[in-house]
Amino acid sequence: MTTTVTVAAVSKDFGAYQDAAVRDSVIITKNGRPSTVLPAYEDFVRLSKRDRRIDLTAELSADEIAVVEAAELEPGLDHLNGELPPAKV
């Protein structure tokens, strides 16, 4: 079961919450709102591997390709077009 504690509680007894995080995540709140999570190391490793997942465009269906082709940037993000390579003619 996830534990939720305040920053003050963690600062007084970090070791106890560090030990608790081995069993399950500890959510640390600041001003009544979640601000930080202490995950177990194994959970961190598992989650960080997901950041590097690669999907092949060859595996996309025609419907998925159509959705991507029709997609537009949100207003205010047009500057990101500068990150694209020049279009081939």
C-alpha atoms as a PDB file:
ATOM      1  CA  MET A   1       0.000   0.000   0.000  1.00  0.00           C
ATOM      2  CA  THR A   2       1.347   3.401  -0.998  1.00  0.00           C
ATOM      3  CA  THR A   3       2.303   5.683   1.876  1.00  0.00           C
ATOM      4  CA  THR A   4       1.657   9.429   1.724  1.00  0.00           C
ATOM      5  CA  VAL A   5       3.642  11.697   4.037  1.00  0.00           C
ATOM      6  CA  THR A   6       4.596  15.343   4.396  1.00  0.00           C
ATOM      7  CA  VAL A   7       8.017  16.807   3.657  1.00  0.00           C
ATOM      8  CA  ALA A   8       8.364  17.555   7.379  1.00  0.00           C
ATOM      9  CA  ALA A   9       7.761  13.917   8.317  1.00  0.00           C
ATOM     10  CA  VAL A  10      10.316  12.707   5.792  1.00  0.00           C
ATOM     11  CA  SER A  11      12.921  15.202   6.976  1.00  0.00           C
ATOM     12  CA  LYS A  12      12.507  13.979  10.555  1.00  0.00           C
ATOM     13  CA  ASP A  13      12.762  10.271   9.746  1.00  0.00           C
ATOM     14  CA  PHE A  14      14.100   9.790   6.223  1.00  0.00           C
ATOM     15  CA  GLY A  15      15.502   6.347   6.988  1.00  0.00           C
ATOM     16  CA  ALA A  16      12.099   4.948   7.917  1.00  0.00           C
ATOM     17  CA  TYR A  17      10.522   6.224   4.702  1.00  0.00           C
ATOM     18  CA  GLN A  18      13.482   5.028   2.668  1.00  0.00           C
ATOM     19  CA  ASP A  19      12.902   1.556   4.133  1.00  0.00           C
ATOM     20  CA  ALA A  20       9.156   1.853   3.415  1.00  0.00           C
ATOM     21  CA  ALA A  21       9.904   2.708  -0.234  1.00  0.00           C
ATOM     22  CA  VAL A  22      11.554  -0.691  -0.656  1.00  0.00           C
ATOM     23  CA  ARG A  23       8.124  -2.270  -0.131  1.00  0.00           C
ATOM     24  CA  ASP A  24       5.978   0.300  -1.944  1.00  0.00           C
ATOM     25  CA  SER A  25       6.187   3.856  -3.229  1.00  0.00           C
ATOM     26  CA  VAL A  26       6.151   6.748  -0.774  1.00  0.00           C
ATOM     27  CA  ILE A  27       4.402   9.913  -1.941  1.00  0.00           C
ATOM     28  CA  ILE A  28       5.750  13.083  -0.343  1.00  0.00           C
ATOM     29  CA  THR A  29       3.428  16.064  -0.141  1.00  0.00           C
ATOM     30  CA  LYS A  30       4.308  19.742   0.082  1.00  0.00           C
ATOM     31  CA  ASN A  31       1.640  22.251   1.067  1.00  0.00           C
ATOM     32  CA  GLY A  32      -0.926  19.466   0.901  1.00  0.00           C
ATOM     33  CA  ARG A  33      -0.128  18.457  -2.670  1.00  0.00           C
ATOM     34  CA  PRO A  34       1.910  15.498  -3.956  1.00  0.00           C
ATOM     35  CA  SER A  35       5.330  16.742  -5.031  1.00  0.00           C
ATOM     36  CA  THR A  36       7.783  13.831  -4.956  1.00  0.00           C
ATOM     37  CA  VAL A  37       7.727  10.035  -5.012  1.00  0.00           C
ATOM     38  CA  LEU A  38      10.258   7.652  -3.518  1.00  0.00           C
ATOM     39  CA  PRO A  39       9.939   4.474  -5.611  1.00  0.00           C
ATOM     40  CA  ALA A  40      11.606   1.165  -4.901  1.00  0.00           C
ATOM     41  CA  TYR A  41      14.791   0.778  -6.971  1.00  0.00           C
ATOM     42  CA  GLU A  42      13.312  -2.141  -8.931  1.00  0.00           C
ATOM     43  CA  ASP A  43      10.302  -0.002  -9.874  1.00  0.00           C
ATOM     44  CA  PHE A  44      12.594   2.812 -10.989  1.00  0.00           C
ATOM     45  CA  VAL A  45      14.591   0.459 -13.222  1.00  0.00           C
ATOM     46  CA  ARG A  46      11.417  -1.024 -14.706  1.00  0.00           C
ATOM     47  CA  LEU A  47       9.896   2.375 -15.406  1.00  0.00           C
ATOM     48  CA  SER A  48      13.090   3.876 -16.834  1.00  0.00           C
ATOM     49  CA  LYS A  49      13.301   1.044 -19.374  1.00  0.00           C
ATOM     50  CA  ARG A  50       9.874   2.051 -20.683  1.00  0.00           C
ATOM     51  CA  ASP A  51      11.248   5.470 -21.638  1.00  0.00           C
ATOM     52  CA  ARG A  52      13.286   3.823 -24.355  1.00  0.00           C
ATOM     53  CA  ARG A  53      10.486   1.837 -26.015  1.00  0.00           C
ATOM     54  CA  ILE A  54      10.624   2.068 -29.790  1.00  0.00           C
ATOM     55  CA  ASP A  55       7.725   1.408 -32.128  1.00  0.00           C
ATOM     56  CA  LEU A  56       8.378   0.760 -35.793  1.00  0.00           C
ATOM     57  CA  THR A  57       6.412   2.841 -38.262  1.00  0.00           C
ATOM     58  CA  ALA A  58       6.196  -0.250 -40.455  1.00  0.00           C
ATOM     59  CA  GLU A  59       3.948  -1.770 -37.788  1.00  0.00           C
ATOM     60  CA  LEU A  60       1.377   1.054 -37.975  1.00  0.00           C
ATOM     61  CA  SER A  61      -1.968   0.373 -39.622  1.00  0.00           C
ATOM     62  CA  ALA A  62      -3.262   2.551 -42.464  1.00  0.00           C
ATOM     63  CA  ASP A  63      -5.727   4.170 -40.029  1.00  0.00           C
ATOM     64  CA  GLU A  64      -2.924   5.040 -37.591  1.00  0.00           C
ATOM     65  CA  ILE A  65      -0.828   6.535 -40.386  1.00  0.00           C
ATOM     66  CA  ALA A  66      -3.800   8.633 -41.522  1.00  0.00           C
ATOM     67  CA  VAL A  67      -4.240   9.984 -37.987  1.00  0.00           C
ATOM     68  CA  VAL A  68      -0.559  10.923 -37.768  1.00  0.00           C
ATOM     69  CA  GLU A  69      -0.633  12.590 -41.182  1.00  0.00           C
ATOM     70  CA  ALA A  70      -3.707  14.637 -40.201  1.00  0.00           C
ATOM     71  CA  ALA A  71      -2.240  15.715 -36.851  1.00  0.00           C
ATOM     72  CA  GLU A  72      -1.487  19.377 -36.256  1.00  0.00           C
ATOM     73  CA  LEU A  73       0.583  21.119 -33.615  1.00  0.00           C
ATOM     74  CA  GLU A  74      -1.201  22.904 -30.828  1.00  0.00           C
ATOM     75  CA  PRO A  75      -1.296  26.689 -31.194  1.00  0.00           C
ATOM     76  CA  GLY A  76       1.947  28.282 -30.029  1.00  0.00           C
ATOM     77  CA  LEU A  77       4.137  25.316 -30.948  1.00  0.00           C
ATOM     78  CA  ASP A  78       4.825  26.252 -34.567  1.00  0.00           C
ATOM     79  CA  HIS A  79       8.436  27.056 -33.657  1.00  0.00           C
ATOM     80  CA  LEU A  80       9.015  23.305 -33.361  1.00  0.00           C
ATOM     81  CA  ASN A  81       8.745  23.025 -37.148  1.00  0.00           C
ATOM     82  CA  GLY A  82      12.286  24.408 -37.199  1.00  0.00           C
ATOM     83  CA  GLU A  83      13.449  21.151 -35.636  1.00  0.00           C
ATOM     84  CA  LEU A  84      12.330  19.179 -38.711  1.00  0.00           C
ATOM     85  CA  PRO A  85      14.767  18.369 -41.516  1.00  0.00           C
ATOM     86  CA  PRO A  86      14.144  20.199 -44.791  1.00  0.00           C
ATOM     87  CA  ALA A  87      11.408  18.619 -46.925  1.00  0.00           C
ATOM     88  CA  LYS A  88      12.666  16.532 -49.839  1.00  0.00           C
ATOM     89  CA  VAL A  89      11.429  17.743 -53.206  1.00  0.00           C
END
